[in-house]
Structure formats: C-alpha cells, structure tokens
Protein backbone atom coordinates (compact mmCIF):
# COMPACT_ATOMS: atom_id res chain seq x y z
CA GLU A 1 3.69 -58.59 -67.05
CA TRP A 2 2.42 -61.95 -65.80
CA CYS A 3 3.53 -65.50 -66.53
CA ARG A 4 1.64 -68.58 -65.30
CA GLY A 5 -0.36 -66.57 -62.78
CA ALA A 6 2.66 -64.84 -61.20
CA PRO A 7 4.16 -61.40 -61.88
CA VAL A 8 7.41 -61.16 -63.81
CA VAL A 9 9.45 -58.93 -61.52
CA ASP A 10 12.38 -58.23 -63.84
CA ALA A 11 10.22 -56.14 -66.18
CA ASP A 12 9.05 -52.52 -65.91
CA TRP A 13 5.61 -52.14 -64.38
CA THR A 14 3.10 -49.33 -64.11
CA LEU A 15 1.47 -49.08 -60.68
CA LEU A 16 -1.47 -46.74 -60.08
CA SER A 17 -2.60 -45.66 -56.59
CA PRO A 18 -6.02 -44.41 -55.47
CA ASP A 19 -4.45 -41.02 -54.55
CA GLY A 20 -3.52 -40.45 -58.21
CA SER A 21 0.14 -41.49 -57.89
CA LYS A 22 1.70 -43.37 -60.81
CA TYR A 23 4.92 -45.41 -60.69
CA VAL A 24 6.78 -46.80 -63.70
CA GLY A 25 9.79 -49.07 -63.19
CA PRO A 26 10.93 -52.35 -61.66
CA VAL A 27 9.00 -53.87 -58.76
CA ALA A 28 9.27 -56.50 -56.03
CA ALA A 29 6.66 -58.39 -54.05
CA ARG A 30 5.62 -56.73 -50.78
CA ASP A 31 4.99 -60.10 -49.22
CA ALA A 32 6.68 -63.32 -50.33
CA SER A 33 3.46 -65.22 -49.61
CA ASP A 34 1.41 -63.05 -52.00
CA ARG A 35 3.33 -61.97 -55.10
CA ARG A 36 0.30 -60.04 -56.38
CA LEU A 37 1.10 -57.15 -54.03
CA MET A 38 3.88 -55.27 -55.81
CA GLN A 39 5.91 -52.22 -54.77
CA PRO A 40 8.63 -50.07 -56.39
CA HIS A 41 12.03 -51.71 -56.03
CA GLY A 42 15.18 -51.30 -58.10
CA PRO A 43 17.92 -48.94 -59.22
CA ARG A 44 15.64 -46.75 -61.34
CA GLY A 45 11.99 -45.86 -61.48
CA THR A 46 9.76 -42.80 -61.68
CA LEU A 47 6.96 -41.98 -59.26
CA LYS A 48 4.63 -39.09 -59.96
CA TYR A 49 2.71 -38.33 -56.79
CA GLY A 50 -0.93 -37.28 -56.80
CA ASN A 51 0.13 -33.87 -55.41
CA GLY A 52 2.33 -33.13 -58.45
CA ASP A 53 5.75 -34.00 -56.98
CA THR A 54 7.92 -36.37 -59.04
CA TYR A 55 10.80 -38.62 -57.99
CA SER A 56 13.10 -40.48 -60.39
CA GLY A 57 15.74 -42.77 -59.00
CA ALA A 58 16.31 -45.81 -56.82
CA PHE A 59 13.72 -47.55 -54.64
CA VAL A 60 14.14 -50.20 -51.95
CA HIS A 61 10.97 -52.02 -50.85
CA GLY A 62 8.70 -49.18 -51.93
CA LYS A 63 10.78 -46.36 -50.44
CA ARG A 64 13.11 -43.82 -52.06
CA ALA A 65 16.64 -44.96 -51.26
CA GLY A 66 20.04 -44.43 -52.84
CA TYR A 67 20.44 -41.81 -55.55
CA GLY A 68 17.50 -39.93 -57.02
CA THR A 69 16.03 -36.63 -58.12
CA ALA A 70 12.83 -35.07 -56.83
CA VAL A 71 11.02 -32.21 -58.51
CA PHE A 72 8.52 -30.69 -56.11
CA ARG A 73 5.30 -29.01 -57.17
CA ASN A 74 6.60 -25.66 -55.82
CA GLY A 75 9.44 -25.76 -58.39
CA GLU A 76 12.20 -26.81 -56.00
CA THR A 77 14.40 -29.82 -56.76
CA PHE A 78 16.65 -32.13 -54.79
CA ASP A 79 19.23 -34.22 -56.62
CA GLY A 80 21.17 -36.57 -54.38
CA GLU A 81 21.04 -39.32 -51.81
CA TRP A 82 17.88 -40.65 -50.16
CA HIS A 83 17.38 -42.95 -47.18
CA ASP A 84 14.18 -44.60 -45.95
CA ASP A 85 11.96 -42.40 -48.18
CA HIS A 86 13.58 -39.10 -47.06
CA ILE A 87 16.48 -36.91 -48.12
CA SER A 88 19.53 -38.48 -46.47
CA LEU A 89 20.79 -36.38 -43.58
CA ASN A 90 24.22 -38.01 -43.98
CA GLY A 91 24.39 -37.96 -47.76
CA ALA A 92 25.35 -35.66 -50.57
CA GLY A 93 23.06 -33.69 -52.82
CA THR A 94 21.98 -30.38 -54.25
CA LEU A 95 18.81 -28.55 -53.28
CA THR A 96 17.69 -25.92 -55.78
CA LEU A 97 15.02 -23.52 -54.54
CA HIS A 98 12.33 -22.08 -56.79
CA ASP A 99 14.22 -18.75 -56.97
CA GLY A 100 17.35 -20.50 -58.31
CA THR A 101 19.30 -20.48 -55.05
CA THR A 102 21.27 -23.70 -54.64
CA HIS A 103 22.51 -25.45 -51.52
CA VAL A 104 25.14 -28.16 -51.98
CA PHE A 105 25.44 -30.81 -49.28
CA THR A 106 28.43 -33.11 -48.90
CA LYS A 107 28.87 -36.26 -46.89
CA PRO A 108 30.26 -35.61 -43.44
CA PRO A 109 33.78 -36.92 -42.89
CA PRO A 110 34.01 -40.42 -41.35
C-alpha cells in the first residue's frame, strides 16, 4: 500500500523475489534514504521460498528472528526460536523429522 509516493509500512505487503520466493506480512524499509526497498519485518509474516520451504513467524530486518515455524520441503519441521536467519543454538524448539521422530530443545541454564 502506498500513500503520497511512500509505502505504508504498518500494512501487510506481498513481496515477490526473482527466485520464486513470496512473502506476505509487515515490512520495513531496508534503507532509510530509499523507502521503496522493503524487507520482511515484524512479529508475524509468512515466507514461501522458491525451493518449497515455508517459514511463518517473526522477522527482523529481513531475517528470521524470534519465534517461528519452518516446514521444509523434505517434510521436516522446526517450531521454536530463530536468531539471525538460523535456528537459535541457544533457544528452545522442537524439530520433527520426516519419519515422525521429534527432538525437543530447551534453553540452556543461565
């Protein structure tokens, strides 16, 4: 959504990438000097990657961060904490393998 030549950032957007990825959710400007360049940013959004993987959850400046769920094209899922676009090595979550085996991770003690 646009208003007076600038994007309205507190609305859901659909972003399409050349690799076939599609994001739906809130966005933020990548660069404060050019608000036309938008990226996923907010507490909830869904990104379907061109390879078939899907992530639904929080984004910070275009990266998976906070809580989210990924469904991978091989049938495995991870539901839990993310940091800097990767599964958090210090977070909690559940990994479910394609055969139904689950691995539950907890936060390490402080």
